[in-house]
N, C-alpha and C. Protein backbone atom coordinates (compact mmCIF):
# COMPACT_ATOMS: atom_id res chain seq x y z
N MET A 1 19.78 25.10 -29.51
CA MET A 1 19.96 23.73 -29.01
C MET A 1 21.18 23.64 -28.10
N ALA A 2 22.31 24.24 -28.55
CA ALA A 2 23.53 24.19 -27.74
C ALA A 2 23.33 24.88 -26.41
N ASP A 3 22.62 26.03 -26.42
CA ASP A 3 22.36 26.75 -25.17
C ASP A 3 21.51 25.90 -24.23
N SER A 4 20.53 25.20 -24.79
CA SER A 4 19.66 24.35 -23.96
C SER A 4 20.45 23.22 -23.32
N VAL A 5 21.32 22.59 -24.09
CA VAL A 5 22.15 21.51 -23.56
C VAL A 5 23.07 22.04 -22.47
N LEU A 6 23.67 23.19 -22.71
CA LEU A 6 24.58 23.79 -21.74
C LEU A 6 23.85 24.11 -20.44
N ARG A 7 22.63 24.64 -20.56
CA ARG A 7 21.86 24.95 -19.35
C ARG A 7 21.56 23.71 -18.54
N ARG A 8 21.25 22.60 -19.22
CA ARG A 8 20.97 21.36 -18.51
C ARG A 8 22.21 20.85 -17.80
N ILE A 9 23.36 20.96 -18.45
CA ILE A 9 24.62 20.51 -17.84
C ILE A 9 24.93 21.35 -16.60
N VAL A 10 24.79 22.67 -16.74
CA VAL A 10 25.07 23.56 -15.62
C VAL A 10 24.11 23.30 -14.46
N SER A 11 22.82 23.05 -14.79
CA SER A 11 21.84 22.82 -13.73
C SER A 11 22.15 21.54 -12.96
N ARG A 12 22.75 20.56 -13.63
CA ARG A 12 23.11 19.33 -12.93
C ARG A 12 24.36 19.51 -12.09
N LEU A 13 25.31 20.26 -12.62
CA LEU A 13 26.56 20.48 -11.90
C LEU A 13 26.39 21.47 -10.76
N ARG A 14 25.51 22.46 -10.98
CA ARG A 14 25.28 23.49 -9.98
C ARG A 14 23.78 23.67 -9.79
N PRO A 15 23.11 22.72 -9.13
CA PRO A 15 21.66 22.82 -8.96
C PRO A 15 21.28 24.04 -8.14
N ALA A 16 20.10 24.53 -8.39
CA ALA A 16 19.63 25.74 -7.71
C ALA A 16 19.52 25.50 -6.21
N PRO A 17 19.81 26.52 -5.40
CA PRO A 17 19.67 26.38 -3.95
C PRO A 17 18.20 26.24 -3.55
N ILE A 18 18.00 25.67 -2.39
CA ILE A 18 16.67 25.51 -1.82
C ILE A 18 16.52 26.56 -0.73
N ALA A 19 15.74 27.60 -1.02
CA ALA A 19 15.65 28.72 -0.08
C ALA A 19 14.22 29.10 0.27
N THR A 20 13.24 28.47 -0.36
CA THR A 20 11.85 28.81 -0.11
C THR A 20 11.05 27.56 0.27
N ARG A 21 9.88 27.80 0.84
CA ARG A 21 9.00 26.69 1.21
C ARG A 21 8.65 25.84 -0.01
N ALA A 22 8.34 26.50 -1.13
CA ALA A 22 7.96 25.77 -2.34
C ALA A 22 9.12 24.93 -2.87
N GLU A 23 10.33 25.47 -2.81
CA GLU A 23 11.49 24.72 -3.29
C GLU A 23 11.77 23.51 -2.41
N LEU A 24 11.62 23.68 -1.11
CA LEU A 24 11.80 22.53 -0.21
C LEU A 24 10.72 21.49 -0.46
N GLU A 25 9.49 21.93 -0.63
CA GLU A 25 8.38 21.01 -0.89
C GLU A 25 8.63 20.19 -2.16
N SER A 26 9.04 20.87 -3.23
CA SER A 26 9.29 20.18 -4.49
C SER A 26 10.43 19.18 -4.35
N PHE A 27 11.50 19.59 -3.70
CA PHE A 27 12.66 18.71 -3.54
C PHE A 27 12.30 17.46 -2.74
N LEU A 28 11.66 17.65 -1.60
CA LEU A 28 11.36 16.52 -0.73
C LEU A 28 10.35 15.57 -1.37
N GLU A 29 9.36 16.12 -2.05
CA GLU A 29 8.37 15.27 -2.71
C GLU A 29 9.03 14.41 -3.78
N GLU A 30 9.87 15.01 -4.61
CA GLU A 30 10.53 14.27 -5.68
C GLU A 30 11.44 13.18 -5.12
N ARG A 31 12.21 13.53 -4.11
CA ARG A 31 13.18 12.56 -3.58
C ARG A 31 12.49 11.45 -2.79
N ALA A 32 11.43 11.77 -2.08
CA ALA A 32 10.69 10.73 -1.35
C ALA A 32 10.04 9.75 -2.32
N LEU A 33 9.48 10.27 -3.39
CA LEU A 33 8.90 9.40 -4.41
C LEU A 33 9.97 8.50 -5.02
N LEU A 34 11.13 9.08 -5.29
CA LEU A 34 12.22 8.31 -5.90
C LEU A 34 12.66 7.17 -4.99
N ILE A 35 12.90 7.47 -3.72
CA ILE A 35 13.37 6.43 -2.80
C ILE A 35 12.34 5.32 -2.67
N ALA A 36 11.08 5.70 -2.45
CA ALA A 36 10.03 4.70 -2.24
C ALA A 36 9.85 3.82 -3.47
N GLN A 37 9.76 4.46 -4.62
CA GLN A 37 9.50 3.71 -5.84
C GLN A 37 10.70 2.87 -6.25
N LYS A 38 11.87 3.47 -6.24
CA LYS A 38 13.07 2.76 -6.70
C LYS A 38 13.37 1.54 -5.82
N CYS A 39 13.31 1.73 -4.52
CA CYS A 39 13.64 0.62 -3.62
C CYS A 39 12.62 -0.51 -3.72
N ALA A 40 11.35 -0.17 -3.83
CA ALA A 40 10.31 -1.20 -3.91
C ALA A 40 10.40 -1.96 -5.23
N ILE A 41 10.48 -1.24 -6.33
CA ILE A 41 10.47 -1.90 -7.64
C ILE A 41 11.76 -2.67 -7.87
N ASP A 42 12.90 -2.10 -7.50
CA ASP A 42 14.16 -2.80 -7.69
C ASP A 42 14.18 -4.12 -6.91
N TYR A 43 13.68 -4.09 -5.68
CA TYR A 43 13.67 -5.32 -4.89
C TYR A 43 12.77 -6.36 -5.55
N CYS A 44 11.57 -5.96 -5.93
CA CYS A 44 10.62 -6.92 -6.52
C CYS A 44 11.16 -7.51 -7.82
N ARG A 45 11.77 -6.69 -8.66
CA ARG A 45 12.33 -7.21 -9.91
C ARG A 45 13.50 -8.15 -9.62
N GLY A 46 14.35 -7.75 -8.70
CA GLY A 46 15.49 -8.62 -8.37
C GLY A 46 15.06 -9.93 -7.73
N LYS A 47 14.04 -9.86 -6.89
CA LYS A 47 13.59 -11.07 -6.18
C LYS A 47 12.92 -12.06 -7.12
N THR A 48 12.16 -11.57 -8.07
CA THR A 48 11.38 -12.46 -8.94
C THR A 48 12.08 -12.79 -10.24
N GLY A 49 13.17 -12.10 -10.55
CA GLY A 49 13.98 -12.44 -11.71
C GLY A 49 13.20 -12.43 -13.02
N LEU A 50 13.35 -13.48 -13.78
CA LEU A 50 12.70 -13.55 -15.10
C LEU A 50 11.18 -13.55 -14.99
N ALA A 51 10.65 -13.95 -13.85
CA ALA A 51 9.20 -13.97 -13.67
C ALA A 51 8.62 -12.57 -13.48
N SER A 52 9.50 -11.58 -13.29
CA SER A 52 9.00 -10.23 -13.00
C SER A 52 8.21 -9.66 -14.17
N TYR A 53 8.56 -10.03 -15.39
CA TYR A 53 7.84 -9.51 -16.55
C TYR A 53 6.36 -9.86 -16.45
N ALA A 54 6.07 -11.12 -16.13
CA ALA A 54 4.67 -11.54 -16.00
C ALA A 54 4.05 -10.97 -14.74
N LEU A 55 4.82 -10.95 -13.65
CA LEU A 55 4.28 -10.47 -12.37
C LEU A 55 3.82 -9.02 -12.45
N PHE A 56 4.57 -8.21 -13.18
CA PHE A 56 4.24 -6.78 -13.27
C PHE A 56 3.07 -6.51 -14.22
N THR A 57 2.41 -7.55 -14.68
CA THR A 57 1.18 -7.38 -15.45
C THR A 57 -0.03 -7.86 -14.65
N GLU A 58 0.20 -8.40 -13.47
CA GLU A 58 -0.88 -8.95 -12.64
C GLU A 58 -1.47 -7.87 -11.75
N LYS A 59 -2.77 -7.67 -11.87
CA LYS A 59 -3.42 -6.60 -11.11
C LYS A 59 -3.28 -6.75 -9.59
N PRO A 60 -3.48 -7.93 -9.02
CA PRO A 60 -3.31 -8.05 -7.56
C PRO A 60 -1.93 -7.63 -7.09
N PHE A 61 -0.91 -8.02 -7.86
CA PHE A 61 0.46 -7.61 -7.50
C PHE A 61 0.62 -6.10 -7.63
N LEU A 62 0.15 -5.53 -8.73
CA LEU A 62 0.29 -4.09 -8.94
C LEU A 62 -0.47 -3.30 -7.88
N ASP A 63 -1.62 -3.79 -7.47
CA ASP A 63 -2.38 -3.12 -6.41
C ASP A 63 -1.60 -3.14 -5.10
N ALA A 64 -1.01 -4.29 -4.79
CA ALA A 64 -0.22 -4.41 -3.57
C ALA A 64 1.04 -3.56 -3.64
N LEU A 65 1.64 -3.46 -4.82
CA LEU A 65 2.82 -2.62 -5.00
C LEU A 65 2.48 -1.15 -4.78
N GLU A 66 1.29 -0.73 -5.23
CA GLU A 66 0.86 0.65 -5.01
C GLU A 66 0.73 0.95 -3.52
N VAL A 67 0.21 0.01 -2.75
CA VAL A 67 0.13 0.20 -1.30
C VAL A 67 1.52 0.42 -0.73
N CYS A 68 2.45 -0.45 -1.13
CA CYS A 68 3.83 -0.34 -0.65
C CYS A 68 4.45 1.00 -1.00
N ARG A 69 4.30 1.40 -2.24
CA ARG A 69 4.91 2.66 -2.70
C ARG A 69 4.35 3.86 -1.95
N TRP A 70 3.02 3.88 -1.74
CA TRP A 70 2.42 5.01 -1.05
C TRP A 70 2.81 5.05 0.42
N GLU A 71 2.76 3.90 1.07
CA GLU A 71 3.10 3.87 2.49
C GLU A 71 4.57 4.21 2.71
N ALA A 72 5.43 3.70 1.84
CA ALA A 72 6.85 4.03 1.94
C ALA A 72 7.08 5.51 1.64
N PHE A 73 6.37 6.05 0.67
CA PHE A 73 6.51 7.46 0.35
C PHE A 73 6.20 8.33 1.55
N ALA A 74 5.10 8.05 2.23
CA ALA A 74 4.72 8.86 3.40
C ALA A 74 5.78 8.76 4.50
N ALA A 75 6.33 7.56 4.69
CA ALA A 75 7.36 7.37 5.72
C ALA A 75 8.65 8.09 5.36
N VAL A 76 9.08 7.92 4.11
CA VAL A 76 10.33 8.57 3.66
C VAL A 76 10.18 10.10 3.72
N LEU A 77 9.05 10.60 3.28
CA LEU A 77 8.82 12.04 3.32
C LEU A 77 8.96 12.57 4.75
N GLY A 78 8.36 11.89 5.69
CA GLY A 78 8.48 12.31 7.08
C GLY A 78 9.91 12.28 7.57
N ASP A 79 10.63 11.22 7.26
CA ASP A 79 12.01 11.11 7.73
C ASP A 79 12.91 12.16 7.09
N LEU A 80 12.67 12.51 5.84
CA LEU A 80 13.44 13.58 5.21
C LEU A 80 13.14 14.93 5.86
N LEU A 81 11.91 15.12 6.29
CA LEU A 81 11.57 16.37 6.99
C LEU A 81 12.23 16.43 8.36
N ILE A 82 12.39 15.30 9.01
CA ILE A 82 13.14 15.28 10.28
C ILE A 82 14.59 15.68 10.03
N LEU A 83 15.16 15.22 8.92
CA LEU A 83 16.53 15.62 8.57
C LEU A 83 16.59 17.10 8.22
N ALA A 84 15.54 17.61 7.58
CA ALA A 84 15.49 19.04 7.28
C ALA A 84 15.45 19.86 8.57
N GLU A 85 14.70 19.38 9.56
CA GLU A 85 14.64 20.09 10.86
C GLU A 85 16.02 20.16 11.50
N THR A 86 16.77 19.08 11.39
CA THR A 86 18.14 19.08 11.92
C THR A 86 18.99 20.16 11.26
N ALA A 87 18.86 20.28 9.93
CA ALA A 87 19.65 21.27 9.21
C ALA A 87 19.23 22.69 9.53
N LEU A 88 17.95 22.89 9.80
CA LEU A 88 17.43 24.24 10.01
C LEU A 88 17.45 24.67 11.46
N ARG A 89 17.54 23.74 12.37
CA ARG A 89 17.45 24.05 13.80
C ARG A 89 18.42 25.14 14.25
N PRO A 90 19.68 25.12 13.81
CA PRO A 90 20.60 26.18 14.28
C PRO A 90 20.22 27.58 13.81
N HIS A 91 19.32 27.67 12.84
CA HIS A 91 18.96 28.96 12.28
C HIS A 91 17.60 29.45 12.77
N ALA A 92 17.10 28.81 13.80
CA ALA A 92 15.87 29.26 14.45
C ALA A 92 16.16 29.41 15.94
N GLU A 93 15.78 30.53 16.50
CA GLU A 93 15.98 30.74 17.93
C GLU A 93 15.11 29.74 18.69
N PRO A 94 15.55 29.35 19.90
CA PRO A 94 14.78 28.37 20.68
C PRO A 94 13.28 28.67 20.76
N PRO A 95 12.85 29.90 20.97
CA PRO A 95 11.40 30.13 21.01
C PRO A 95 10.70 29.90 19.67
N GLU A 96 11.47 29.90 18.58
CA GLU A 96 10.89 29.75 17.25
C GLU A 96 10.82 28.30 16.78
N ARG A 97 11.46 27.41 17.49
CA ARG A 97 11.60 26.05 16.99
C ARG A 97 10.27 25.29 16.96
N GLU A 98 9.39 25.62 17.87
CA GLU A 98 8.07 24.98 17.83
C GLU A 98 7.32 25.40 16.57
N ARG A 99 7.44 26.67 16.19
CA ARG A 99 6.81 27.14 14.95
C ARG A 99 7.45 26.51 13.73
N LEU A 100 8.77 26.32 13.78
CA LEU A 100 9.46 25.66 12.67
C LEU A 100 8.94 24.24 12.50
N CYS A 101 8.79 23.50 13.60
CA CYS A 101 8.26 22.13 13.53
C CYS A 101 6.84 22.14 12.97
N ALA A 102 6.04 23.10 13.41
CA ALA A 102 4.66 23.17 12.91
C ALA A 102 4.64 23.41 11.42
N ALA A 103 5.56 24.25 10.93
CA ALA A 103 5.62 24.54 9.50
C ALA A 103 6.04 23.30 8.72
N LEU A 104 6.99 22.55 9.25
CA LEU A 104 7.44 21.33 8.56
C LEU A 104 6.37 20.25 8.60
N ALA A 105 5.66 20.14 9.72
CA ALA A 105 4.57 19.16 9.81
C ALA A 105 3.45 19.52 8.83
N ALA A 106 3.17 20.82 8.70
CA ALA A 106 2.14 21.26 7.75
C ALA A 106 2.57 20.95 6.32
N LEU A 107 3.86 21.04 6.05
CA LEU A 107 4.38 20.71 4.73
C LEU A 107 4.15 19.23 4.42
N HIS A 108 4.42 18.39 5.39
CA HIS A 108 4.19 16.95 5.25
C HIS A 108 2.72 16.67 4.94
N ALA A 109 1.83 17.27 5.72
CA ALA A 109 0.40 17.04 5.52
C ALA A 109 -0.07 17.57 4.17
N ARG A 110 0.48 18.73 3.75
CA ARG A 110 0.05 19.32 2.48
C ARG A 110 0.49 18.48 1.29
N ILE A 111 1.71 17.96 1.33
CA ILE A 111 2.18 17.13 0.23
C ILE A 111 1.32 15.88 0.10
N LEU A 112 1.02 15.23 1.22
CA LEU A 112 0.19 14.03 1.17
C LEU A 112 -1.22 14.36 0.67
N ALA A 113 -1.77 15.47 1.14
CA ALA A 113 -3.13 15.85 0.74
C ALA A 113 -3.21 16.25 -0.72
N SER A 114 -2.09 16.64 -1.30
CA SER A 114 -2.08 17.09 -2.69
C SER A 114 -2.17 15.93 -3.66
N LYS A 115 -1.95 14.72 -3.18
CA LYS A 115 -1.98 13.54 -4.04
C LYS A 115 -3.38 12.92 -4.04
N PRO A 116 -3.79 12.33 -5.16
CA PRO A 116 -5.06 11.61 -5.16
C PRO A 116 -5.02 10.50 -4.12
N ALA A 117 -6.07 10.37 -3.33
CA ALA A 117 -6.10 9.35 -2.28
C ALA A 117 -5.98 7.96 -2.90
N PRO A 118 -4.98 7.18 -2.50
CA PRO A 118 -4.86 5.81 -3.04
C PRO A 118 -6.03 4.96 -2.56
N GLY A 119 -6.26 3.87 -3.28
CA GLY A 119 -7.42 3.03 -3.00
C GLY A 119 -7.50 2.53 -1.58
N HIS A 120 -6.34 2.23 -0.98
CA HIS A 120 -6.36 1.68 0.37
C HIS A 120 -6.47 2.76 1.44
N ARG A 121 -6.47 4.04 1.00
CA ARG A 121 -6.59 5.14 1.95
C ARG A 121 -7.65 6.13 1.45
N ALA A 122 -8.82 5.61 1.25
CA ALA A 122 -9.90 6.46 0.73
C ALA A 122 -10.20 7.63 1.65
N GLU A 123 -9.93 7.49 2.93
CA GLU A 123 -10.20 8.57 3.89
C GLU A 123 -9.00 9.49 4.09
N GLY A 124 -7.96 9.27 3.34
CA GLY A 124 -6.82 10.18 3.39
C GLY A 124 -5.72 9.76 4.36
N TRP A 125 -4.84 10.72 4.64
CA TRP A 125 -3.63 10.48 5.41
C TRP A 125 -3.65 11.15 6.78
N HIS A 126 -4.83 11.45 7.31
CA HIS A 126 -4.90 12.23 8.54
C HIS A 126 -4.17 11.56 9.70
N ASP A 127 -4.31 10.25 9.82
CA ASP A 127 -3.65 9.55 10.92
C ASP A 127 -2.13 9.60 10.78
N VAL A 128 -1.65 9.45 9.55
CA VAL A 128 -0.21 9.48 9.30
C VAL A 128 0.34 10.88 9.58
N ALA A 129 -0.37 11.91 9.12
CA ALA A 129 0.07 13.28 9.34
C ALA A 129 0.10 13.61 10.83
N ALA A 130 -0.91 13.17 11.57
CA ALA A 130 -0.95 13.44 13.01
C ALA A 130 0.19 12.73 13.73
N ALA A 131 0.45 11.48 13.36
CA ALA A 131 1.53 10.73 13.99
C ALA A 131 2.89 11.35 13.67
N PHE A 132 3.04 11.84 12.42
CA PHE A 132 4.30 12.46 12.06
C PHE A 132 4.53 13.75 12.84
N ALA A 133 3.49 14.57 13.01
CA ALA A 133 3.64 15.82 13.75
C ALA A 133 4.17 15.55 15.16
N LEU A 134 3.67 14.49 15.80
CA LEU A 134 4.16 14.13 17.14
C LEU A 134 5.60 13.64 17.08
N ALA A 135 5.92 12.82 16.06
CA ALA A 135 7.28 12.30 15.93
C ALA A 135 8.28 13.42 15.67
N LEU A 136 7.89 14.38 14.86
CA LEU A 136 8.78 15.50 14.56
C LEU A 136 9.01 16.35 15.80
N LYS A 137 7.95 16.60 16.55
CA LYS A 137 8.10 17.40 17.78
C LYS A 137 9.04 16.71 18.76
N ALA A 138 8.90 15.39 18.88
CA ALA A 138 9.79 14.64 19.77
C ALA A 138 11.23 14.69 19.27
N ALA A 139 11.41 14.53 17.96
CA ALA A 139 12.76 14.56 17.38
C ALA A 139 13.41 15.92 17.57
N SER A 140 12.63 16.97 17.51
CA SER A 140 13.17 18.33 17.60
C SER A 140 13.71 18.66 18.99
N THR A 141 13.30 17.89 19.99
CA THR A 141 13.77 18.16 21.35
C THR A 141 14.97 17.29 21.72
N GLY A 142 15.35 16.40 20.80
CA GLY A 142 16.48 15.51 21.06
C GLY A 142 17.71 15.92 20.29
N ALA A 143 18.66 15.01 20.23
CA ALA A 143 19.90 15.28 19.51
C ALA A 143 19.60 15.40 18.01
N PRO A 144 20.38 16.21 17.29
CA PRO A 144 20.20 16.32 15.84
C PRO A 144 20.29 14.94 15.18
N ARG A 145 19.45 14.71 14.19
CA ARG A 145 19.38 13.41 13.54
C ARG A 145 20.18 13.41 12.24
N GLU A 146 20.79 12.27 11.96
CA GLU A 146 21.46 12.04 10.69
C GLU A 146 20.67 10.98 9.92
N ALA A 147 21.06 10.79 8.66
CA ALA A 147 20.29 9.89 7.80
C ALA A 147 20.18 8.48 8.38
N LEU A 148 21.27 7.96 8.94
CA LEU A 148 21.24 6.61 9.49
C LEU A 148 20.35 6.51 10.72
N ASP A 149 20.09 7.65 11.37
CA ASP A 149 19.23 7.64 12.55
C ASP A 149 17.76 7.45 12.19
N VAL A 150 17.39 7.82 10.97
CA VAL A 150 15.97 7.78 10.60
C VAL A 150 15.66 6.78 9.49
N ALA A 151 16.68 6.34 8.76
CA ALA A 151 16.44 5.52 7.57
C ALA A 151 15.72 4.21 7.88
N ASP A 152 16.00 3.62 9.03
CA ASP A 152 15.40 2.31 9.31
C ASP A 152 13.90 2.41 9.53
N HIS A 153 13.42 3.57 9.93
CA HIS A 153 11.97 3.74 10.06
C HIS A 153 11.31 3.62 8.69
N SER A 154 11.87 4.31 7.69
CA SER A 154 11.36 4.21 6.33
C SER A 154 11.52 2.81 5.78
N ALA A 155 12.68 2.23 6.04
CA ALA A 155 12.96 0.88 5.52
C ALA A 155 11.99 -0.14 6.10
N ARG A 156 11.69 -0.01 7.38
CA ARG A 156 10.76 -0.95 8.01
C ARG A 156 9.38 -0.85 7.38
N ARG A 157 8.92 0.38 7.13
CA ARG A 157 7.59 0.54 6.54
C ARG A 157 7.55 -0.02 5.12
N LEU A 158 8.62 0.20 4.36
CA LEU A 158 8.67 -0.36 3.02
C LEU A 158 8.71 -1.88 3.06
N PHE A 159 9.55 -2.42 3.94
CA PHE A 159 9.74 -3.87 4.00
C PHE A 159 8.45 -4.58 4.40
N GLU A 160 7.72 -4.03 5.36
CA GLU A 160 6.53 -4.72 5.85
C GLU A 160 5.36 -4.63 4.87
N THR A 161 5.44 -3.75 3.89
CA THR A 161 4.35 -3.63 2.91
C THR A 161 4.74 -4.15 1.53
N LEU A 162 5.93 -4.71 1.37
CA LEU A 162 6.35 -5.24 0.07
C LEU A 162 5.36 -6.29 -0.43
N PRO A 163 5.05 -6.28 -1.73
CA PRO A 163 4.08 -7.22 -2.28
C PRO A 163 4.66 -8.59 -2.58
N ILE A 164 5.56 -9.02 -1.73
CA ILE A 164 6.15 -10.36 -1.80
C ILE A 164 5.85 -11.04 -0.47
N HIS A 165 5.35 -12.24 -0.49
CA HIS A 165 4.95 -12.92 0.74
C HIS A 165 6.12 -12.96 1.73
N SER A 166 5.79 -12.76 3.00
CA SER A 166 6.83 -12.69 4.03
C SER A 166 7.71 -13.94 4.07
N THR A 167 7.17 -15.07 3.68
CA THR A 167 7.96 -16.31 3.66
C THR A 167 9.15 -16.20 2.72
N TYR A 168 8.96 -15.48 1.63
CA TYR A 168 9.99 -15.39 0.60
C TYR A 168 10.92 -14.20 0.77
N ARG A 169 10.59 -13.29 1.65
CA ARG A 169 11.46 -12.13 1.83
C ARG A 169 12.07 -12.03 3.23
N GLU A 170 11.83 -13.03 4.06
CA GLU A 170 12.27 -12.92 5.45
C GLU A 170 13.79 -12.84 5.58
N LEU A 171 14.52 -13.38 4.62
CA LEU A 171 15.99 -13.32 4.68
C LEU A 171 16.56 -12.08 3.98
N ASP A 172 15.69 -11.26 3.44
CA ASP A 172 16.14 -10.12 2.64
C ASP A 172 16.04 -8.79 3.36
N GLN A 173 15.76 -8.82 4.65
CA GLN A 173 15.55 -7.56 5.36
C GLN A 173 16.75 -6.63 5.26
N GLU A 174 17.94 -7.17 5.46
CA GLU A 174 19.12 -6.31 5.44
C GLU A 174 19.37 -5.73 4.05
N VAL A 175 19.01 -6.49 3.01
CA VAL A 175 19.15 -5.98 1.64
C VAL A 175 18.26 -4.76 1.43
N VAL A 176 17.01 -4.87 1.85
CA VAL A 176 16.06 -3.77 1.69
C VAL A 176 16.48 -2.58 2.55
N TYR A 177 16.83 -2.84 3.80
CA TYR A 177 17.23 -1.75 4.69
C TYR A 177 18.47 -1.05 4.13
N GLY A 178 19.40 -1.83 3.60
CA GLY A 178 20.62 -1.23 3.05
C GLY A 178 20.34 -0.33 1.88
N ALA A 179 19.41 -0.74 1.01
CA ALA A 179 19.06 0.09 -0.14
C ALA A 179 18.44 1.40 0.29
N VAL A 180 17.57 1.35 1.29
CA VAL A 180 16.94 2.59 1.77
C VAL A 180 17.96 3.48 2.45
N ARG A 181 18.82 2.90 3.26
CA ARG A 181 19.86 3.69 3.94
C ARG A 181 20.75 4.41 2.92
N PHE A 182 21.17 3.67 1.91
CA PHE A 182 22.05 4.24 0.89
C PHE A 182 21.42 5.46 0.24
N ARG A 183 20.16 5.32 -0.17
CA ARG A 183 19.49 6.43 -0.86
C ARG A 183 19.16 7.57 0.10
N MET A 184 18.84 7.26 1.33
CA MET A 184 18.55 8.30 2.30
C MET A 184 19.80 9.13 2.59
N ILE A 185 20.92 8.47 2.72
CA ILE A 185 22.17 9.19 2.95
C ILE A 185 22.48 10.11 1.77
N ALA A 186 22.31 9.60 0.54
CA ALA A 186 22.60 10.39 -0.65
C ALA A 186 21.69 11.62 -0.73
N VAL A 187 20.40 11.44 -0.45
CA VAL A 187 19.46 12.56 -0.52
C VAL A 187 19.76 13.56 0.59
N ASN A 188 20.11 13.09 1.77
CA ASN A 188 20.44 14.02 2.85
C ASN A 188 21.67 14.85 2.51
N GLN A 189 22.66 14.21 1.91
CA GLN A 189 23.86 14.94 1.49
C GLN A 189 23.51 15.99 0.44
N GLU A 190 22.65 15.62 -0.50
CA GLU A 190 22.24 16.59 -1.52
C GLU A 190 21.47 17.74 -0.88
N MET A 191 20.57 17.42 0.02
CA MET A 191 19.78 18.46 0.67
C MET A 191 20.67 19.42 1.45
N ARG A 192 21.62 18.87 2.19
CA ARG A 192 22.50 19.74 2.99
C ARG A 192 23.37 20.61 2.11
N SER A 193 23.72 20.12 0.92
CA SER A 193 24.57 20.91 0.03
C SER A 193 23.79 21.99 -0.70
N ARG A 194 22.47 21.81 -0.81
CA ARG A 194 21.67 22.74 -1.61
C ARG A 194 20.88 23.76 -0.79
N ILE A 195 20.51 23.43 0.42
CA ILE A 195 19.67 24.37 1.15
C ILE A 195 20.46 25.60 1.57
N ALA A 196 19.76 26.72 1.54
CA ALA A 196 20.26 27.96 2.14
C ALA A 196 19.57 28.05 3.49
N PRO A 197 20.16 27.49 4.55
CA PRO A 197 19.42 27.25 5.78
C PRO A 197 18.83 28.49 6.44
N ALA A 198 19.59 29.58 6.47
CA ALA A 198 19.08 30.79 7.11
C ALA A 198 17.87 31.34 6.35
N ASP A 199 17.98 31.39 5.03
CA ASP A 199 16.87 31.89 4.21
C ASP A 199 15.66 30.98 4.30
N LEU A 200 15.92 29.67 4.27
CA LEU A 200 14.82 28.70 4.32
C LEU A 200 14.13 28.74 5.67
N ALA A 201 14.89 28.84 6.74
CA ALA A 201 14.28 28.93 8.06
C ALA A 201 13.41 30.17 8.17
N ARG A 202 13.88 31.30 7.66
CA ARG A 202 13.08 32.54 7.70
C ARG A 202 11.80 32.36 6.88
N ALA A 203 11.91 31.71 5.72
CA ALA A 203 10.73 31.51 4.88
C ALA A 203 9.70 30.64 5.57
N LEU A 204 10.15 29.61 6.26
CA LEU A 204 9.22 28.72 6.93
C LEU A 204 8.58 29.37 8.15
N LEU A 205 9.32 30.26 8.78
CA LEU A 205 8.81 30.92 9.99
C LEU A 205 7.95 32.14 9.66
N ALA A 206 8.01 32.59 8.42
CA ALA A 206 7.26 33.81 8.05
C ALA A 206 5.77 33.58 8.13
C-alpha cells in the first residue's frame, strides 16, 4: 500500500515525458475532454445556481449539453495540436514540416473517429477534420502560436453551443472566454514541460 501511494505521489510530481505518438494522443485527448467538459458544466452550474440540480435531470438540456461538450472538445483538441506543432517545429527540418502537420492532422482525425458518433453528428467528424487540417497547415507557415493565440477559437465554439439561451448568456462571453484561456494556458505549460520534442518529432515523422 505504501509503495502504491508513493508511486502515485511521484507520478504527480514527476509525470512521465511525452515522447511517442500514443503518449501525445492520450495526453491531448484527456486534456481536451477536461477543458471542454469543465468549462461547459461549470458555467451552466454557476449560471443556473440552485436550479441546476433540476436542470441537470432534464433530457433536452442534457442533450444540448452533449452537443456543446463534443463541439468544444473537437475545437480544443485542434487548438492543442496547433500548440503542439509550435513546440515541435524547431525539431523538424523545413522539408519535413509538411509531414509533421499531416501526422498531427491524422492524430486529430483518429481521436475524433475513435469516439462513438454523438447523436448530432451521426455522419461523423469528416468536415471538422478536413477544416482542421487546413487550419493547421496555415498555422504552420506563420509565426509560432501561444495559448492565447488559439484559445479564443475554442472559447467561441464552446460559447456559441452552450445550452443556455443566448438572451441569458450574452453578458457572460468574457467569463467563458476567460475560463477557456486559463485552462488552455495551463495545459500548454504542462505539455511544454513534459514533451521530449526531438524524440516526439522523430516518432511522428517515422
